[in-house]
Amino acid sequence: MVALVWAGWSVATRFAVTTNLGPADVTFLRFGVSSLLLWPVLIRHRAVFWRIGALKLLVMLTGAGVPFMFISSTGMRFAPASHVATLMIGVMPLFVAMLSAGLFGERFTKAQLMGMGVVLAGVVAIGGESLLFNRNGGEWRGDLLFLFAGLLFASYTLAQRRSGLSSWQATAVVNVGSCVLFAPIYLLCLQPRIFSAPIGAVLFQAAAQGVGVAILGLFFYAEASRRLGATRAAIFGALVPALAALIGVPVLHEVPSWATGTGIALVMIGVLLVVTGVSIKKK
């Protein structure tokens, strides 16, 4: 379910920011709609949230909140859906493993190191093509933003896992907190397009962003992380690039080039090696 939601989200957001809406609009729809549905959870468990700690709360709001959404949706204005699925969602498990090693003393096995090399080769295949052959189109800008967004979501993954919050509680705090922070900025300081865009496009994005990825996607991911652990749960991110590429062909008419297809395959293989390898705890 996580893989399907994320793949659909990358295609839906790419469609939105290249047609009627901008990054700020899809960000507002994502957190505005979800917060209306999730605020009762936040109110009911408000005593629990005070025990999270300011640092974990900040990391969660940054890693899966407005900064993450705005950076990733801005990148989608430049690069196709297959790139976001590969460079952000697909590479994210690698960032989880690297942060776990740096912060919690996990060491890498030979298989994991080999997997990281394969992932890097996939990133170079995709990014190199963007830089060499699509430089005027700015795809390389989107690729860099996707990698940064993947690092942010990896930090959220680890913070959520160690926050002590249930899946619904973590989903509620990210979405409601993001709405409270971003809604005034969007409505008062930016130029909202949701009032002039076609109503069908706005309703579709409200459902896809506010219900699909913001609630169902985060909940399913948090639940998978709780049951499997952050690293094992992240393995399903390896499915997203291929799914997004397949969905993008009929919906966006984006046919991956041979270099992008090769990069997708390499990233998927590398991620499988990284997350299936058994990490060694540092003594």
Protein backbone atom coordinates (compact mmCIF):
# COMPACT_ATOMS: atom_id res chain seq x y z
CA MET A 1 0.00 0.00 0.00
CA VAL A 2 2.81 2.42 0.82
CA ALA A 3 4.49 1.77 -2.52
CA LEU A 4 1.24 2.25 -4.45
CA VAL A 5 0.34 5.46 -2.60
CA TRP A 6 3.80 6.98 -3.07
CA ALA A 7 3.97 6.06 -6.75
CA GLY A 8 0.52 7.56 -7.37
CA TRP A 9 1.45 10.66 -5.37
CA SER A 10 4.56 11.35 -7.44
CA VAL A 11 2.54 11.16 -10.66
CA ALA A 12 -0.39 13.23 -9.28
CA THR A 13 1.90 15.96 -7.94
CA ARG A 14 3.94 16.10 -11.14
CA PHE A 15 0.68 16.53 -13.06
CA ALA A 16 -0.51 19.31 -10.72
CA VAL A 17 2.63 21.46 -10.74
CA THR A 18 2.94 21.26 -14.54
CA THR A 19 -0.70 22.23 -15.23
CA ASN A 20 -2.96 24.30 -12.96
CA LEU A 21 -1.35 24.41 -9.51
CA GLY A 22 2.00 25.30 -7.98
CA PRO A 23 4.13 23.77 -5.18
CA ALA A 24 2.55 26.04 -2.54
CA ASP A 25 -0.96 25.03 -3.64
CA VAL A 26 -0.41 21.29 -3.42
CA THR A 27 1.37 21.79 -0.09
CA PHE A 28 -1.61 23.68 1.30
CA LEU A 29 -4.09 21.11 -0.01
CA ARG A 30 -2.07 18.27 1.47
CA PHE A 31 -1.93 19.64 4.99
CA GLY A 32 -5.13 21.68 4.97
CA VAL A 33 -7.41 18.77 4.09
CA SER A 34 -5.64 16.23 6.28
CA SER A 35 -5.60 18.53 9.32
CA LEU A 36 -9.39 18.89 9.16
CA LEU A 37 -9.68 15.12 9.47
CA LEU A 38 -6.90 14.54 11.99
CA TRP A 39 -7.26 17.35 14.54
CA PRO A 40 -9.51 15.20 16.82
CA VAL A 41 -6.61 12.74 17.16
CA LEU A 42 -4.29 15.57 18.13
CA ILE A 43 -6.73 16.94 20.72
CA ARG A 44 -7.45 13.53 22.22
CA HIS A 45 -3.77 12.66 22.67
CA ARG A 46 -2.41 16.14 23.34
CA ALA A 47 -0.79 15.04 26.60
CA VAL A 48 1.35 12.52 24.71
CA PHE A 49 2.72 15.10 22.30
CA TRP A 50 4.25 17.19 25.06
CA ARG A 51 6.54 14.24 25.84
CA ILE A 52 7.99 13.96 22.32
CA GLY A 53 10.73 16.49 22.86
CA ALA A 54 11.35 19.64 20.89
CA LEU A 55 14.13 18.16 18.74
CA LYS A 56 12.17 15.09 17.62
CA LEU A 57 9.13 17.25 16.92
CA LEU A 58 11.19 19.66 14.83
CA VAL A 59 12.75 16.81 12.84
CA MET A 60 9.33 15.24 12.21
CA LEU A 61 7.74 18.50 11.07
CA THR A 62 10.70 19.27 8.82
CA GLY A 63 11.21 15.77 7.46
CA ALA A 64 7.58 15.04 6.50
CA GLY A 65 5.95 18.46 6.76
CA VAL A 66 5.99 21.69 4.78
CA PRO A 67 9.76 21.82 3.97
CA PHE A 68 9.69 18.27 2.60
CA MET A 69 6.53 18.78 0.57
CA PHE A 70 7.54 22.17 -0.82
CA ILE A 71 11.03 21.00 -1.82
CA SER A 72 9.80 17.82 -3.48
CA SER A 73 6.91 19.49 -5.34
CA THR A 74 9.22 22.27 -6.54
CA GLY A 75 11.54 19.62 -7.93
CA MET A 76 8.64 18.08 -9.82
CA ARG A 77 8.34 21.24 -11.90
CA PHE A 78 11.69 20.36 -13.48
CA ALA A 79 12.02 16.57 -13.55
CA PRO A 80 9.64 13.70 -14.45
CA ALA A 81 7.80 11.45 -12.03
CA SER A 82 10.21 8.55 -12.55
CA HIS A 83 13.03 10.77 -11.22
CA VAL A 84 11.22 11.74 -8.02
CA ALA A 85 10.25 8.14 -7.36
CA THR A 86 13.83 6.98 -7.84
CA LEU A 87 15.97 9.79 -6.43
CA MET A 88 13.73 10.70 -3.49
CA ILE A 89 11.69 7.67 -2.49
CA GLY A 90 13.97 4.99 -3.90
CA VAL A 91 17.18 6.40 -2.42
CA MET A 92 15.53 7.27 0.92
CA PRO A 93 16.25 3.81 2.47
CA LEU A 94 19.93 4.41 1.78
CA PHE A 95 19.74 7.66 3.74
CA VAL A 96 17.98 5.78 6.58
CA ALA A 97 20.85 3.29 6.73
CA MET A 98 23.49 6.02 6.64
CA LEU A 99 21.80 8.06 9.38
CA SER A 100 21.40 4.92 11.49
CA ALA A 101 25.11 4.28 11.13
CA GLY A 102 26.10 7.83 11.99
CA LEU A 103 23.70 8.37 14.87
CA PHE A 104 23.13 4.92 16.37
CA GLY A 105 26.34 3.05 15.72
CA GLU A 106 25.26 0.60 13.02
CA ARG A 107 28.01 -0.65 10.74
CA PHE A 108 27.62 -1.84 7.18
CA THR A 109 28.18 -5.34 5.86
CA LYS A 110 29.95 -5.99 2.56
CA ALA A 111 26.57 -6.58 0.88
CA GLN A 112 25.29 -3.22 2.13
CA LEU A 113 28.41 -1.41 0.94
CA MET A 114 28.03 -3.06 -2.43
CA GLY A 115 24.37 -1.98 -2.49
CA MET A 116 25.34 1.63 -1.78
CA GLY A 117 27.72 1.53 -4.71
CA VAL A 118 24.97 0.19 -6.97
CA VAL A 119 22.55 2.91 -5.78
CA LEU A 120 25.19 5.55 -6.47
CA ALA A 121 25.66 4.16 -9.97
CA GLY A 122 21.90 4.44 -10.53
CA VAL A 123 21.84 8.04 -9.31
CA VAL A 124 24.74 8.89 -11.62
CA ALA A 125 22.94 7.26 -14.57
CA ILE A 126 19.83 9.38 -14.01
CA GLY A 127 21.53 12.59 -12.89
CA GLY A 128 24.22 12.35 -15.53
CA GLU A 129 21.67 12.15 -18.29
CA SER A 130 19.80 15.16 -16.86
CA LEU A 131 22.99 17.21 -16.60
CA LEU A 132 24.41 16.28 -19.99
CA PHE A 133 21.35 16.01 -22.22
CA ASN A 134 18.54 17.94 -20.49
CA ARG A 135 20.47 20.79 -18.95
CA ASN A 136 18.33 23.50 -20.50
CA GLY A 137 15.19 21.86 -19.16
CA GLY A 138 16.52 22.05 -15.60
CA GLU A 139 15.99 18.38 -14.78
CA TRP A 140 19.23 18.36 -12.77
CA ARG A 141 17.73 20.98 -10.44
CA GLY A 142 14.79 18.71 -9.74
CA ASP A 143 17.12 15.76 -9.19
CA LEU A 144 19.10 17.63 -6.53
CA LEU A 145 15.89 18.71 -4.78
CA PHE A 146 14.63 15.11 -4.80
CA LEU A 147 17.80 13.86 -3.13
CA PHE A 148 17.53 16.53 -0.44
CA ALA A 149 13.85 15.70 0.13
CA GLY A 150 14.77 12.03 0.48
CA LEU A 151 17.27 12.92 3.19
CA LEU A 152 14.59 14.92 5.02
CA PHE A 153 12.10 12.04 4.96
CA ALA A 154 14.78 9.62 6.15
CA SER A 155 15.29 11.86 9.19
CA TYR A 156 11.53 11.80 9.81
CA THR A 157 11.58 8.00 9.61
CA LEU A 158 14.11 7.68 12.41
CA ALA A 159 12.58 10.43 14.57
CA GLN A 160 9.09 8.92 14.29
CA ARG A 161 10.40 5.49 15.16
CA ARG A 162 11.98 6.83 18.37
CA SER A 163 9.26 9.30 19.33
CA GLY A 164 7.05 6.76 21.07
CA LEU A 165 4.03 7.92 19.06
CA SER A 166 1.56 5.53 17.52
CA SER A 167 1.02 5.56 13.76
CA TRP A 168 -2.09 7.76 13.97
CA GLN A 169 -0.49 10.09 16.51
CA ALA A 170 2.59 10.65 14.34
CA THR A 171 0.42 11.23 11.28
CA ALA A 172 -1.74 13.73 13.17
CA VAL A 173 1.10 15.75 14.65
CA VAL A 174 2.85 16.18 11.30
CA ASN A 175 -0.24 17.16 9.33
CA VAL A 176 -1.98 19.39 11.88
CA GLY A 177 1.27 21.04 12.94
CA SER A 178 2.22 21.71 9.32
CA CYS A 179 -1.18 23.24 8.57
CA VAL A 180 -1.03 25.56 11.56
CA LEU A 181 2.40 26.81 10.47
CA PHE A 182 1.82 27.06 6.72
CA ALA A 183 -1.84 28.08 6.23
CA PRO A 184 -1.38 31.74 7.35
CA ILE A 185 1.70 32.11 5.13
CA TYR A 186 -0.07 30.61 2.13
CA LEU A 187 -3.29 32.60 2.45
CA LEU A 188 -1.79 35.96 3.43
CA CYS A 189 1.64 36.12 1.82
CA LEU A 190 1.53 33.93 -1.29
CA GLN A 191 -0.72 33.93 -4.35
CA PRO A 192 -3.17 31.02 -3.96
CA ARG A 193 -4.25 29.38 -7.21
CA ILE A 194 -6.84 27.09 -5.70
CA PHE A 195 -9.51 29.78 -6.08
CA SER A 196 -8.91 30.20 -9.83
CA ALA A 197 -7.94 26.67 -10.87
CA PRO A 198 -10.58 24.25 -12.25
CA ILE A 199 -12.65 22.84 -9.41
CA GLY A 200 -12.11 19.27 -10.64
CA ALA A 201 -8.33 19.66 -10.47
CA VAL A 202 -8.51 21.13 -6.96
CA LEU A 203 -10.81 18.36 -5.67
CA PHE A 204 -8.66 15.65 -7.19
CA GLN A 205 -5.50 17.04 -5.61
CA ALA A 206 -7.31 17.54 -2.29
CA ALA A 207 -8.16 13.84 -2.26
CA ALA A 208 -4.77 12.67 -3.56
CA GLN A 209 -2.70 14.96 -1.31
CA GLY A 210 -4.87 15.41 1.78
CA VAL A 211 -6.28 11.90 2.09
CA GLY A 212 -4.12 9.64 -0.08
CA VAL A 213 -0.54 10.49 0.80
CA ALA A 214 -0.89 12.74 3.86
CA ILE A 215 -3.10 10.37 5.86
CA LEU A 216 -3.03 6.90 4.29
CA GLY A 217 0.56 7.08 3.08
CA LEU A 218 2.00 8.35 6.36
CA PHE A 219 -0.14 6.00 8.44
CA PHE A 220 0.75 2.91 6.42
CA TYR A 221 4.43 3.86 6.50
CA ALA A 222 4.43 4.57 10.23
CA GLU A 223 2.64 1.27 10.88
CA ALA A 224 5.06 -0.65 8.69
CA SER A 225 7.99 1.03 10.45
CA ARG A 226 6.52 0.13 13.85
CA ARG A 227 5.99 -3.51 12.94
CA LEU A 228 9.13 -4.11 10.86
CA GLY A 229 11.61 -1.49 12.00
CA ALA A 230 12.66 1.57 10.01
CA THR A 231 15.22 -0.18 7.80
CA ARG A 232 13.07 -3.21 6.91
CA ALA A 233 10.04 -1.01 6.27
CA ALA A 234 12.07 1.16 3.92
CA ILE A 235 12.66 -1.83 1.62
CA PHE A 236 9.29 -1.24 0.00
CA GLY A 237 10.52 2.10 -1.25
CA ALA A 238 12.45 0.06 -3.80
CA LEU A 239 9.15 -0.79 -5.50
CA VAL A 240 8.12 2.83 -6.04
CA PRO A 241 10.39 3.85 -8.96
CA ALA A 242 9.15 1.08 -11.26
CA LEU A 243 5.52 1.65 -10.28
CA ALA A 244 5.77 5.41 -10.82
CA ALA A 245 7.44 4.93 -14.19
CA LEU A 246 4.67 2.56 -15.29
CA ILE A 247 1.90 4.88 -14.09
CA GLY A 248 3.60 7.90 -15.65
CA VAL A 249 3.53 6.46 -19.16
CA PRO A 250 -0.28 6.55 -19.69
CA VAL A 251 -1.01 9.47 -17.32
CA LEU A 252 1.83 11.91 -18.06
CA HIS A 253 3.06 10.46 -21.35
CA GLU A 254 6.55 10.33 -19.86
CA VAL A 255 8.45 7.38 -21.30
CA PRO A 256 11.72 6.81 -19.38
CA SER A 257 14.87 6.96 -21.47
CA TRP A 258 17.30 4.06 -21.51
CA ALA A 259 19.56 5.88 -19.02
CA THR A 260 16.65 6.54 -16.64
CA GLY A 261 15.45 2.94 -16.97
CA THR A 262 18.94 1.68 -16.21
CA GLY A 263 19.19 4.01 -13.23
CA ILE A 264 15.82 2.85 -11.87
CA ALA A 265 16.91 -0.79 -12.08
CA LEU A 266 20.26 -0.09 -10.40
CA VAL A 267 18.65 1.88 -7.55
CA MET A 268 16.10 -0.87 -6.90
CA ILE A 269 18.79 -3.57 -6.82
CA GLY A 270 21.06 -1.45 -4.62
CA VAL A 271 18.30 -0.65 -2.14
CA LEU A 272 17.45 -4.33 -1.81
CA LEU A 273 21.08 -5.08 -1.00
CA VAL A 274 21.28 -2.26 1.57
CA VAL A 275 18.11 -3.03 3.51
CA THR A 276 18.33 -6.83 3.41
CA GLY A 277 21.91 -6.88 4.67
CA VAL A 278 22.25 -7.42 8.42
CA SER A 279 23.76 -4.35 10.06
CA ILE A 280 26.29 -4.83 12.85
CA LYS A 281 25.91 -2.85 16.06
CA LYS A 282 29.04 -0.98 17.08
CA LYS A 283 30.44 -2.23 20.36
